[in-house]
Amino acid sequence: METSTKELALQLLVEETEKVYKLINSQKEHLCFAACPAFEEVVDTQLYGLSRQIDYAVKLGVLDKNTGMRILSDLENSLNKMYNNYYEQNNNHPHSKGE
């Protein structure tokens, strides 16, 4: 694959990855996903779509498999941290259920 084409493909993957990070980070800031049940479905769809793009890039030789797996792992870790922070804040909040 020509270098400029490979660089373009990598740039497109970076842009898609940044979109998912922005989606997750917007929820981190607002912590409204509990009131927005569609959030989980949206982020799952975005992660799935990105995973397919990464798989395709690996098959084309644009991206190595370990890098692709690391990108997805980092996104999933970011999502898990957001959920953990939300639940910790709600469980430690004096007005949470059961208190």
PDB file of N, CA and C in Angstrom:
ATOM      1  N   MET A   1       0.852  -1.177   0.000  1.00  0.00           N
ATOM      2  CA  MET A   1       0.000   0.000   0.000  1.00  0.00           C
ATOM      3  C   MET A   1       0.895   1.236   0.000  1.00  0.00           C
ATOM      4  N   GLU A   2       0.545   2.199  -0.811  1.00  0.00           N
ATOM      5  CA  GLU A   2       1.305   3.435  -0.913  1.00  0.00           C
ATOM      6  C   GLU A   2       1.311   4.176   0.428  1.00  0.00           C
ATOM      7  N   THR A   3       2.437   4.791   0.768  1.00  0.00           N
ATOM      8  CA  THR A   3       2.598   5.440   2.067  1.00  0.00           C
ATOM      9  C   THR A   3       1.526   6.493   2.320  1.00  0.00           C
ATOM     10  N   SER A   4       1.254   7.365   1.341  1.00  0.00           N
ATOM     11  CA  SER A   4       0.262   8.417   1.565  1.00  0.00           C
ATOM     12  C   SER A   4      -1.133   7.829   1.786  1.00  0.00           C
ATOM     13  N   THR A   5      -1.451   6.736   1.116  1.00  0.00           N
ATOM     14  CA  THR A   5      -2.734   6.071   1.315  1.00  0.00           C
ATOM     15  C   THR A   5      -2.796   5.469   2.709  1.00  0.00           C
ATOM     16  N   LYS A   6      -1.682   4.872   3.139  1.00  0.00           N
ATOM     17  CA  LYS A   6      -1.614   4.293   4.474  1.00  0.00           C
ATOM     18  C   LYS A   6      -1.763   5.383   5.528  1.00  0.00           C
ATOM     19  N   GLU A   7      -1.095   6.511   5.336  1.00  0.00           N
ATOM     20  CA  GLU A   7      -1.205   7.626   6.276  1.00  0.00           C
ATOM     21  C   GLU A   7      -2.628   8.168   6.328  1.00  0.00           C
ATOM     22  N   LEU A   8      -3.281   8.252   5.192  1.00  0.00           N
ATOM     23  CA  LEU A   8      -4.669   8.711   5.148  1.00  0.00           C
ATOM     24  C   LEU A   8      -5.571   7.740   5.900  1.00  0.00           C
ATOM     25  N   ALA A   9      -5.382   6.458   5.687  1.00  0.00           N
ATOM     26  CA  ALA A   9      -6.190   5.450   6.376  1.00  0.00           C
ATOM     27  C   ALA A   9      -5.986   5.541   7.881  1.00  0.00           C
ATOM     28  N   LEU A  10      -4.752   5.706   8.322  1.00  0.00           N
ATOM     29  CA  LEU A  10      -4.478   5.839   9.749  1.00  0.00           C
ATOM     30  C   LEU A  10      -5.105   7.099  10.317  1.00  0.00           C
ATOM     31  N   GLN A  11      -5.053   8.182   9.562  1.00  0.00           N
ATOM     32  CA  GLN A  11      -5.663   9.433  10.015  1.00  0.00           C
ATOM     33  C   GLN A  11      -7.170   9.282  10.176  1.00  0.00           C
ATOM     34  N   LEU A  12      -7.801   8.581   9.253  1.00  0.00           N
ATOM     35  CA  LEU A  12      -9.241   8.341   9.355  1.00  0.00           C
ATOM     36  C   LEU A  12      -9.574   7.503  10.591  1.00  0.00           C
ATOM     37  N   LEU A  13      -8.744   6.507  10.897  1.00  0.00           N
ATOM     38  CA  LEU A  13      -8.951   5.709  12.105  1.00  0.00           C
ATOM     39  C   LEU A  13      -8.786   6.556  13.360  1.00  0.00           C
ATOM     40  N   VAL A  14      -7.791   7.427  13.351  1.00  0.00           N
ATOM     41  CA  VAL A  14      -7.574   8.325  14.487  1.00  0.00           C
ATOM     42  C   VAL A  14      -8.794   9.216  14.684  1.00  0.00           C
ATOM     43  N   GLU A  15      -9.338   9.760  13.607  1.00  0.00           N
ATOM     44  CA  GLU A  15     -10.518  10.624  13.696  1.00  0.00           C
ATOM     45  C   GLU A  15     -11.718   9.855  14.252  1.00  0.00           C
ATOM     46  N   GLU A  16     -11.922   8.623  13.811  1.00  0.00           N
ATOM     47  CA  GLU A  16     -13.037   7.817  14.315  1.00  0.00           C
ATOM     48  C   GLU A  16     -12.845   7.501  15.800  1.00  0.00           C
ATOM     49  N   THR A  17     -11.607   7.196  16.183  1.00  0.00           N
ATOM     50  CA  THR A  17     -11.306   6.916  17.579  1.00  0.00           C
ATOM     51  C   THR A  17     -11.576   8.144  18.438  1.00  0.00           C
ATOM     52  N   GLU A  18     -11.187   9.314  17.954  1.00  0.00           N
ATOM     53  CA  GLU A  18     -11.416  10.554  18.696  1.00  0.00           C
ATOM     54  C   GLU A  18     -12.909  10.835  18.870  1.00  0.00           C
ATOM     55  N   LYS A  19     -13.715  10.491  17.882  1.00  0.00           N
ATOM     56  CA  LYS A  19     -15.166  10.679  18.000  1.00  0.00           C
ATOM     57  C   LYS A  19     -15.723   9.859  19.162  1.00  0.00           C
ATOM     58  N   VAL A  20     -15.254   8.619  19.295  1.00  0.00           N
ATOM     59  CA  VAL A  20     -15.748   7.765  20.375  1.00  0.00           C
ATOM     60  C   VAL A  20     -15.255   8.300  21.722  1.00  0.00           C
ATOM     61  N   TYR A  21     -13.979   8.734  21.789  1.00  0.00           N
ATOM     62  CA  TYR A  21     -13.476   9.337  23.024  1.00  0.00           C
ATOM     63  C   TYR A  21     -14.295  10.564  23.414  1.00  0.00           C
ATOM     64  N   LYS A  22     -14.639  11.395  22.436  1.00  0.00           N
ATOM     65  CA  LYS A  22     -15.445  12.582  22.727  1.00  0.00           C
ATOM     66  C   LYS A  22     -16.812  12.203  23.260  1.00  0.00           C
ATOM     67  N   LEU A  23     -17.403  11.170  22.690  1.00  0.00           N
ATOM     68  CA  LEU A  23     -18.702  10.693  23.158  1.00  0.00           C
ATOM     69  C   LEU A  23     -18.602  10.252  24.613  1.00  0.00           C
ATOM     70  N   ILE A  24     -17.581   9.466  24.917  1.00  0.00           N
ATOM     71  CA  ILE A  24     -17.388   8.988  26.288  1.00  0.00           C
ATOM     72  C   ILE A  24     -17.095  10.149  27.226  1.00  0.00           C
ATOM     73  N   ASN A  25     -16.213  11.043  26.815  1.00  0.00           N
ATOM     74  CA  ASN A  25     -15.843  12.172  27.678  1.00  0.00           C
ATOM     75  C   ASN A  25     -16.999  13.130  27.907  1.00  0.00           C
ATOM     76  N   SER A  26     -17.875  13.283  26.920  1.00  0.00           N
ATOM     77  CA  SER A  26     -19.035  14.154  27.134  1.00  0.00           C
ATOM     78  C   SER A  26     -19.921  13.572  28.224  1.00  0.00           C
ATOM     79  N   GLN A  27     -20.012  12.265  28.286  1.00  0.00           N
ATOM     80  CA  GLN A  27     -20.790  11.624  29.334  1.00  0.00           C
ATOM     81  C   GLN A  27     -20.085  11.717  30.682  1.00  0.00           C
ATOM     82  N   LYS A  28     -18.766  11.659  30.668  1.00  0.00           N
ATOM     83  CA  LYS A  28     -18.001  11.811  31.916  1.00  0.00           C
ATOM     84  C   LYS A  28     -18.300  13.162  32.543  1.00  0.00           C
ATOM     85  N   GLU A  29     -18.342  14.195  31.719  1.00  0.00           N
ATOM     86  CA  GLU A  29     -18.555  15.548  32.209  1.00  0.00           C
ATOM     87  C   GLU A  29     -19.976  15.736  32.738  1.00  0.00           C
ATOM     88  N   HIS A  30     -20.950  15.143  32.091  1.00  0.00           N
ATOM     89  CA  HIS A  30     -22.338  15.374  32.457  1.00  0.00           C
ATOM     90  C   HIS A  30     -22.913  14.271  33.340  1.00  0.00           C
ATOM     91  N   LEU A  31     -22.287  13.090  33.280  1.00  0.00           N
ATOM     92  CA  LEU A  31     -22.764  11.926  34.033  1.00  0.00           C
ATOM     93  C   LEU A  31     -24.276  11.744  33.902  1.00  0.00           C
ATOM     94  N   CYS A  32     -24.747  11.895  32.670  1.00  0.00           N
ATOM     95  CA  CYS A  32     -26.197  11.796  32.465  1.00  0.00           C
ATOM     96  C   CYS A  32     -26.604  10.484  31.825  1.00  0.00           C
ATOM     97  N   PHE A  33     -25.663   9.555  31.662  1.00  0.00           N
ATOM     98  CA  PHE A  33     -26.043   8.337  30.951  1.00  0.00           C
ATOM     99  C   PHE A  33     -27.079   7.508  31.690  1.00  0.00           C
ATOM    100  N   ALA A  34     -27.184   7.651  33.001  1.00  0.00           N
ATOM    101  CA  ALA A  34     -28.214   6.903  33.729  1.00  0.00           C
ATOM    102  C   ALA A  34     -29.599   7.395  33.338  1.00  0.00           C
ATOM    103  N   ALA A  35     -29.706   8.672  33.021  1.00  0.00           N
ATOM    104  CA  ALA A  35     -30.973   9.249  32.588  1.00  0.00           C
ATOM    105  C   ALA A  35     -31.140   9.141  31.072  1.00  0.00           C
ATOM    106  N   CYS A  36     -30.128   8.643  30.390  1.00  0.00           N
ATOM    107  CA  CYS A  36     -30.142   8.517  28.936  1.00  0.00           C
ATOM    108  C   CYS A  36     -29.846   7.063  28.567  1.00  0.00           C
ATOM    109  N   PRO A  37     -30.844   6.190  28.617  1.00  0.00           N
ATOM    110  CA  PRO A  37     -30.585   4.776  28.381  1.00  0.00           C
ATOM    111  C   PRO A  37     -30.032   4.467  26.997  1.00  0.00           C
ATOM    112  N   ALA A  38     -30.192   5.372  26.060  1.00  0.00           N
ATOM    113  CA  ALA A  38     -29.682   5.128  24.714  1.00  0.00           C
ATOM    114  C   ALA A  38     -28.163   5.261  24.643  1.00  0.00           C
ATOM    115  N   PHE A  39     -27.550   5.888  25.661  1.00  0.00           N
ATOM    116  CA  PHE A  39     -26.102   6.098  25.612  1.00  0.00           C
ATOM    117  C   PHE A  39     -25.341   4.790  25.434  1.00  0.00           C
ATOM    118  N   GLU A  40     -25.666   3.783  26.230  1.00  0.00           N
ATOM    119  CA  GLU A  40     -24.940   2.516  26.153  1.00  0.00           C
ATOM    120  C   GLU A  40     -25.060   1.896  24.768  1.00  0.00           C
ATOM    121  N   GLU A  41     -26.245   1.953  24.192  1.00  0.00           N
ATOM    122  CA  GLU A  41     -26.435   1.412  22.855  1.00  0.00           C
ATOM    123  C   GLU A  41     -25.630   2.194  21.819  1.00  0.00           C
ATOM    124  N   VAL A  42     -25.615   3.508  21.956  1.00  0.00           N
ATOM    125  CA  VAL A  42     -24.868   4.345  21.016  1.00  0.00           C
ATOM    126  C   VAL A  42     -23.375   4.051  21.107  1.00  0.00           C
ATOM    127  N   VAL A  43     -22.844   4.021  22.326  1.00  0.00           N
ATOM    128  CA  VAL A  43     -21.404   3.801  22.468  1.00  0.00           C
ATOM    129  C   VAL A  43     -21.033   2.386  22.034  1.00  0.00           C
ATOM    130  N   ASP A  44     -21.878   1.399  22.315  1.00  0.00           N
ATOM    131  CA  ASP A  44     -21.615   0.038  21.844  1.00  0.00           C
ATOM    132  C   ASP A  44     -21.578  -0.013  20.322  1.00  0.00           C
ATOM    133  N   THR A  45     -22.513   0.681  19.689  1.00  0.00           N
ATOM    134  CA  THR A  45     -22.547   0.728  18.228  1.00  0.00           C
ATOM    135  C   THR A  45     -21.295   1.393  17.678  1.00  0.00           C
ATOM    136  N   GLN A  46     -20.883   2.491  18.312  1.00  0.00           N
ATOM    137  CA  GLN A  46     -19.673   3.189  17.875  1.00  0.00           C
ATOM    138  C   GLN A  46     -18.427   2.311  18.040  1.00  0.00           C
ATOM    139  N   LEU A  47     -18.330   1.635  19.173  1.00  0.00           N
ATOM    140  CA  LEU A  47     -17.184   0.746  19.407  1.00  0.00           C
ATOM    141  C   LEU A  47     -17.184  -0.412  18.414  1.00  0.00           C
ATOM    142  N   TYR A  48     -18.347  -0.961  18.145  1.00  0.00           N
ATOM    143  CA  TYR A  48     -18.425  -2.056  17.179  1.00  0.00           C
ATOM    144  C   TYR A  48     -17.993  -1.572  15.791  1.00  0.00           C
ATOM    145  N   GLY A  49     -18.504  -0.432  15.378  1.00  0.00           N
ATOM    146  CA  GLY A  49     -18.133   0.116  14.078  1.00  0.00           C
ATOM    147  C   GLY A  49     -16.636   0.372  13.978  1.00  0.00           C
ATOM    148  N   LEU A  50     -16.071   0.936  15.035  1.00  0.00           N
ATOM    149  CA  LEU A  50     -14.631   1.187  15.041  1.00  0.00           C
ATOM    150  C   LEU A  50     -13.862  -0.131  15.007  1.00  0.00           C
ATOM    151  N   SER A  51     -14.342  -1.130  15.725  1.00  0.00           N
ATOM    152  CA  SER A  51     -13.646  -2.424  15.719  1.00  0.00           C
ATOM    153  C   SER A  51     -13.633  -3.034  14.325  1.00  0.00           C
ATOM    154  N   ARG A  52     -14.718  -2.846  13.574  1.00  0.00           N
ATOM    155  CA  ARG A  52     -14.767  -3.357  12.196  1.00  0.00           C
ATOM    156  C   ARG A  52     -13.789  -2.587  11.308  1.00  0.00           C
ATOM    157  N   GLN A  53     -13.701  -1.275  11.510  1.00  0.00           N
ATOM    158  CA  GLN A  53     -12.761  -0.473  10.729  1.00  0.00           C
ATOM    159  C   GLN A  53     -11.323  -0.871  11.053  1.00  0.00           C
ATOM    160  N   ILE A  54     -11.059  -1.106  12.317  1.00  0.00           N
ATOM    161  CA  ILE A  54      -9.715  -1.524  12.719  1.00  0.00           C
ATOM    162  C   ILE A  54      -9.391  -2.892  12.125  1.00  0.00           C
ATOM    163  N   ASP A  55     -10.344  -3.804  12.182  1.00  0.00           N
ATOM    164  CA  ASP A  55     -10.142  -5.131  11.602  1.00  0.00           C
ATOM    165  C   ASP A  55      -9.821  -5.026  10.115  1.00  0.00           C
ATOM    166  N   TYR A  56     -10.542  -4.183   9.422  1.00  0.00           N
ATOM    167  CA  TYR A  56     -10.306  -3.974   7.993  1.00  0.00           C
ATOM    168  C   TYR A  56      -8.915  -3.383   7.749  1.00  0.00           C
ATOM    169  N   ALA A  57      -8.531  -2.410   8.567  1.00  0.00           N
ATOM    170  CA  ALA A  57      -7.215  -1.796   8.425  1.00  0.00           C
ATOM    171  C   ALA A  57      -6.107  -2.816   8.682  1.00  0.00           C
ATOM    172  N   VAL A  58      -6.315  -3.707   9.638  1.00  0.00           N
ATOM    173  CA  VAL A  58      -5.336  -4.772   9.911  1.00  0.00           C
ATOM    174  C   VAL A  58      -5.218  -5.686   8.693  1.00  0.00           C
ATOM    175  N   LYS A  59      -6.364  -6.056   8.121  1.00  0.00           N
ATOM    176  CA  LYS A  59      -6.353  -6.937   6.950  1.00  0.00           C
ATOM    177  C   LYS A  59      -5.656  -6.295   5.754  1.00  0.00           C
ATOM    178  N   LEU A  60      -5.771  -4.976   5.647  1.00  0.00           N
ATOM    179  CA  LEU A  60      -5.117  -4.264   4.550  1.00  0.00           C
ATOM    180  C   LEU A  60      -3.632  -4.033   4.813  1.00  0.00           C
ATOM    181  N   GLY A  61      -3.205  -4.262   6.051  1.00  0.00           N
ATOM    182  CA  GLY A  61      -1.806  -4.025   6.396  1.00  0.00           C
ATOM    183  C   GLY A  61      -1.519  -2.582   6.763  1.00  0.00           C
ATOM    184  N   VAL A  62      -2.558  -1.802   7.001  1.00  0.00           N
ATOM    185  CA  VAL A  62      -2.408  -0.399   7.373  1.00  0.00           C
ATOM    186  C   VAL A  62      -2.081  -0.268   8.858  1.00  0.00           C
ATOM    187  N   LEU A  63      -2.550  -1.222   9.636  1.00  0.00           N
ATOM    188  CA  LEU A  63      -2.417  -1.176  11.084  1.00  0.00           C
ATOM    189  C   LEU A  63      -2.058  -2.576  11.565  1.00  0.00           C
ATOM    190  N   ASP A  64      -1.144  -2.655  12.543  1.00  0.00           N
ATOM    191  CA  ASP A  64      -0.849  -3.988  13.065  1.00  0.00           C
ATOM    192  C   ASP A  64      -1.891  -4.367  14.110  1.00  0.00           C
ATOM    193  N   LYS A  65      -2.096  -5.655  14.274  1.00  0.00           N
ATOM    194  CA  LYS A  65      -3.170  -6.173  15.118  1.00  0.00           C
ATOM    195  C   LYS A  65      -3.039  -5.695  16.564  1.00  0.00           C
ATOM    196  N   ASN A  66      -1.829  -5.677  17.121  1.00  0.00           N
ATOM    197  CA  ASN A  66      -1.634  -5.255  18.514  1.00  0.00           C
ATOM    198  C   ASN A  66      -2.030  -3.796  18.727  1.00  0.00           C
ATOM    199  N   THR A  67      -1.714  -2.943  17.773  1.00  0.00           N
ATOM    200  CA  THR A  67      -2.096  -1.534  17.880  1.00  0.00           C
ATOM    201  C   THR A  67      -3.615  -1.390  17.842  1.00  0.00           C
ATOM    202  N   GLY A  68      -4.252  -2.121  16.960  1.00  0.00           N
ATOM    203  CA  GLY A  68      -5.708  -2.085  16.877  1.00  0.00           C
ATOM    204  C   GLY A  68      -6.357  -2.552  18.164  1.00  0.00           C
ATOM    205  N   MET A  69      -5.827  -3.632  18.732  1.00  0.00           N
ATOM    206  CA  MET A  69      -6.370  -4.142  19.988  1.00  0.00           C
ATOM    207  C   MET A  69      -6.146  -3.140  21.123  1.00  0.00           C
ATOM    208  N   ARG A  70      -5.013  -2.457  21.107  1.00  0.00           N
ATOM    209  CA  ARG A  70      -4.709  -1.466  22.140  1.00  0.00           C
ATOM    210  C   ARG A  70      -5.665  -0.270  22.045  1.00  0.00           C
ATOM    211  N   ILE A  71      -5.982   0.159  20.830  1.00  0.00           N
ATOM    212  CA  ILE A  71      -6.922   1.274  20.640  1.00  0.00           C
ATOM    213  C   ILE A  71      -8.276   0.919  21.263  1.00  0.00           C
ATOM    214  N   LEU A  72      -8.781  -0.258  20.936  1.00  0.00           N
ATOM    215  CA  LEU A  72     -10.080  -0.685  21.471  1.00  0.00           C
ATOM    216  C   LEU A  72     -10.022  -0.880  22.982  1.00  0.00           C
ATOM    217  N   SER A  73      -8.941  -1.444  23.461  1.00  0.00           N
ATOM    218  CA  SER A  73      -8.788  -1.658  24.903  1.00  0.00           C
ATOM    219  C   SER A  73      -8.775  -0.331  25.649  1.00  0.00           C
ATOM    220  N   ASP A  74      -8.057   0.651  25.111  1.00  0.00           N
ATOM    221  CA  ASP A  74      -8.005   1.975  25.745  1.00  0.00           C
ATOM    222  C   ASP A  74      -9.389   2.615  25.801  1.00  0.00           C
ATOM    223  N   LEU A  75     -10.147   2.494  24.713  1.00  0.00           N
ATOM    224  CA  LEU A  75     -11.507   3.038  24.705  1.00  0.00           C
ATOM    225  C   LEU A  75     -12.393   2.330  25.721  1.00  0.00           C
ATOM    226  N   GLU A  76     -12.301   1.018  25.780  1.00  0.00           N
ATOM    227  CA  GLU A  76     -13.112   0.262  26.733  1.00  0.00           C
ATOM    228  C   GLU A  76     -12.726   0.605  28.174  1.00  0.00           C
ATOM    229  N   ASN A  77     -11.433   0.794  28.425  1.00  0.00           N
ATOM    230  CA  ASN A  77     -10.991   1.194  29.767  1.00  0.00           C
ATOM    231  C   ASN A  77     -11.532   2.569  30.134  1.00  0.00           C
ATOM    232  N   SER A  78     -11.530   3.483  29.183  1.00  0.00           N
ATOM    233  CA  SER A  78     -12.064   4.820  29.424  1.00  0.00           C
ATOM    234  C   SER A  78     -13.557   4.745  29.756  1.00  0.00           C
ATOM    235  N   LEU A  79     -14.276   3.914  29.028  1.00  0.00           N
ATOM    236  CA  LEU A  79     -15.704   3.731  29.278  1.00  0.00           C
ATOM    237  C   LEU A  79     -15.937   3.116  30.662  1.00  0.00           C
ATOM    238  N   ASN A  80     -15.152   2.109  31.009  1.00  0.00           N
ATOM    239  CA  ASN A  80     -15.288   1.473  32.323  1.00  0.00           C
ATOM    240  C   ASN A  80     -14.998   2.452  33.455  1.00  0.00           C
ATOM    241  N   LYS A  81     -13.992   3.304  33.278  1.00  0.00           N
ATOM    242  CA  LYS A  81     -13.679   4.311  34.299  1.00  0.00           C
ATOM    243  C   LYS A  81     -14.849   5.270  34.476  1.00  0.00           C
ATOM    244  N   MET A  82     -15.483   5.650  33.367  1.00  0.00           N
ATOM    245  CA  MET A  82     -16.617   6.552  33.447  1.00  0.00           C
ATOM    246  C   MET A  82     -17.748   5.906  34.238  1.00  0.00           C
ATOM    247  N   TYR A  83     -18.059   4.647  33.929  1.00  0.00           N
ATOM    248  CA  TYR A  83     -19.114   3.946  34.664  1.00  0.00           C
ATOM    249  C   TYR A  83     -18.757   3.821  36.141  1.00  0.00           C
ATOM    250  N   ASN A  84     -17.516   3.440  36.438  1.00  0.00           N
ATOM    251  CA  ASN A  84     -17.092   3.304  37.833  1.00  0.00           C
ATOM    252  C   ASN A  84     -17.209   4.618  38.587  1.00  0.00           C
ATOM    253  N   ASN A  85     -16.773   5.708  37.965  1.00  0.00           N
ATOM    254  CA  ASN A  85     -16.875   7.025  38.607  1.00  0.00           C
ATOM    255  C   ASN A  85     -18.332   7.386  38.876  1.00  0.00           C
ATOM    256  N   TYR A  86     -19.194   7.095  37.924  1.00  0.00           N
ATOM    257  CA  TYR A  86     -20.610   7.395  38.092  1.00  0.00           C
ATOM    258  C   TYR A  86     -21.190   6.627  39.278  1.00  0.00           C
ATOM    259  N   TYR A  87     -20.931   5.332  39.300  1.00  0.00           N
ATOM    260  CA  TYR A  87     -21.504   4.508  40.371  1.00  0.00           C
ATOM    261  C   TYR A  87     -20.907   4.848  41.732  1.00  0.00           C
ATOM    262  N   GLU A  88     -19.626   5.178  41.773  1.00  0.00           N
ATOM    263  CA  GLU A  88     -19.014   5.587  43.036  1.00  0.00           C
ATOM    264  C   GLU A  88     -19.636   6.882  43.539  1.00  0.00           C
ATOM    265  N   GLN A  89     -19.840   7.835  42.646  1.00  0.00           N
ATOM    266  CA  GLN A  89     -20.442   9.104  43.049  1.00  0.00           C
ATOM    267  C   GLN A  89     -21.869   8.901  43.533  1.00  0.00           C
ATOM    268  N   ASN A  90     -22.618   8.055  42.860  1.00  0.00           N
ATOM    269  CA  ASN A  90     -24.018   7.829  43.256  1.00  0.00           C
ATOM    270  C   ASN A  90     -24.116   7.008  44.529  1.00  0.00           C
ATOM    271  N   ASN A  91     -23.236   6.073  44.736  1.00  0.00           N
ATOM    272  CA  ASN A  91     -23.278   5.253  45.953  1.00  0.00           C
ATOM    273  C   ASN A  91     -22.757   6.000  47.168  1.00  0.00           C
ATOM    274  N   ASN A  92     -21.908   6.993  46.969  1.00  0.00           N
ATOM    275  CA  ASN A  92     -21.364   7.768  48.077  1.00  0.00           C
ATOM    276  C   ASN A  92     -22.133   9.055  48.310  1.00  0.00           C
ATOM    277  N   HIS A  93     -23.107   9.335  47.467  1.00  0.00           N
ATOM    278  CA  HIS A  93     -23.880  10.575  47.575  1.00  0.00           C
ATOM    279  C   HIS A  93     -24.901  10.424  48.696  1.00  0.00           C
ATOM    280  N   PRO A  94     -25.019  11.407  49.593  1.00  0.00           N
ATOM    281  CA  PRO A  94     -25.936  11.286  50.720  1.00  0.00           C
ATOM    282  C   PRO A  94     -27.398  11.136  50.328  1.00  0.00           C
ATOM    283  N   HIS A  95     -27.757  11.514  49.099  1.00  0.00           N
ATOM    284  CA  HIS A  95     -29.152  11.432  48.676  1.00  0.00           C
ATOM    285  C   HIS A  95     -29.392  10.231  47.774  1.00  0.00           C
ATOM    286  N   SER A  96     -28.439   9.295  47.733  1.00  0.00           N
ATOM    287  CA  SER A  96     -28.636   8.122  46.873  1.00  0.00           C
ATOM    288  C   SER A  96     -29.685   7.219  47.485  1.00  0.00           C
ATOM    289  N   LYS A  97     -30.213   6.324  46.697  1.00  0.00           N
ATOM    290  CA  LYS A  97     -31.284   5.426  47.135  1.00  0.00           C
ATOM    291  C   LYS A  97     -30.845   4.614  48.333  1.00  0.00           C
ATOM    292  N   GLY A  98     -31.762   4.387  49.249  1.00  0.00           N
ATOM    293  CA  GLY A  98     -31.490   3.552  50.399  1.00  0.00           C
ATOM    294  C   GLY A  98     -30.948   4.297  51.599  1.00  0.00           C
ATOM    295  N   GLU A  99     -30.721   5.576  51.484  1.00  0.00           N
ATOM    296  CA  GLU A  99     -30.179   6.355  52.619  1.00  0.00           C
ATOM    297  C   GLU A  99     -31.152   7.418  53.037  1.00  0.00           C
TER     298      GLU A  99
END
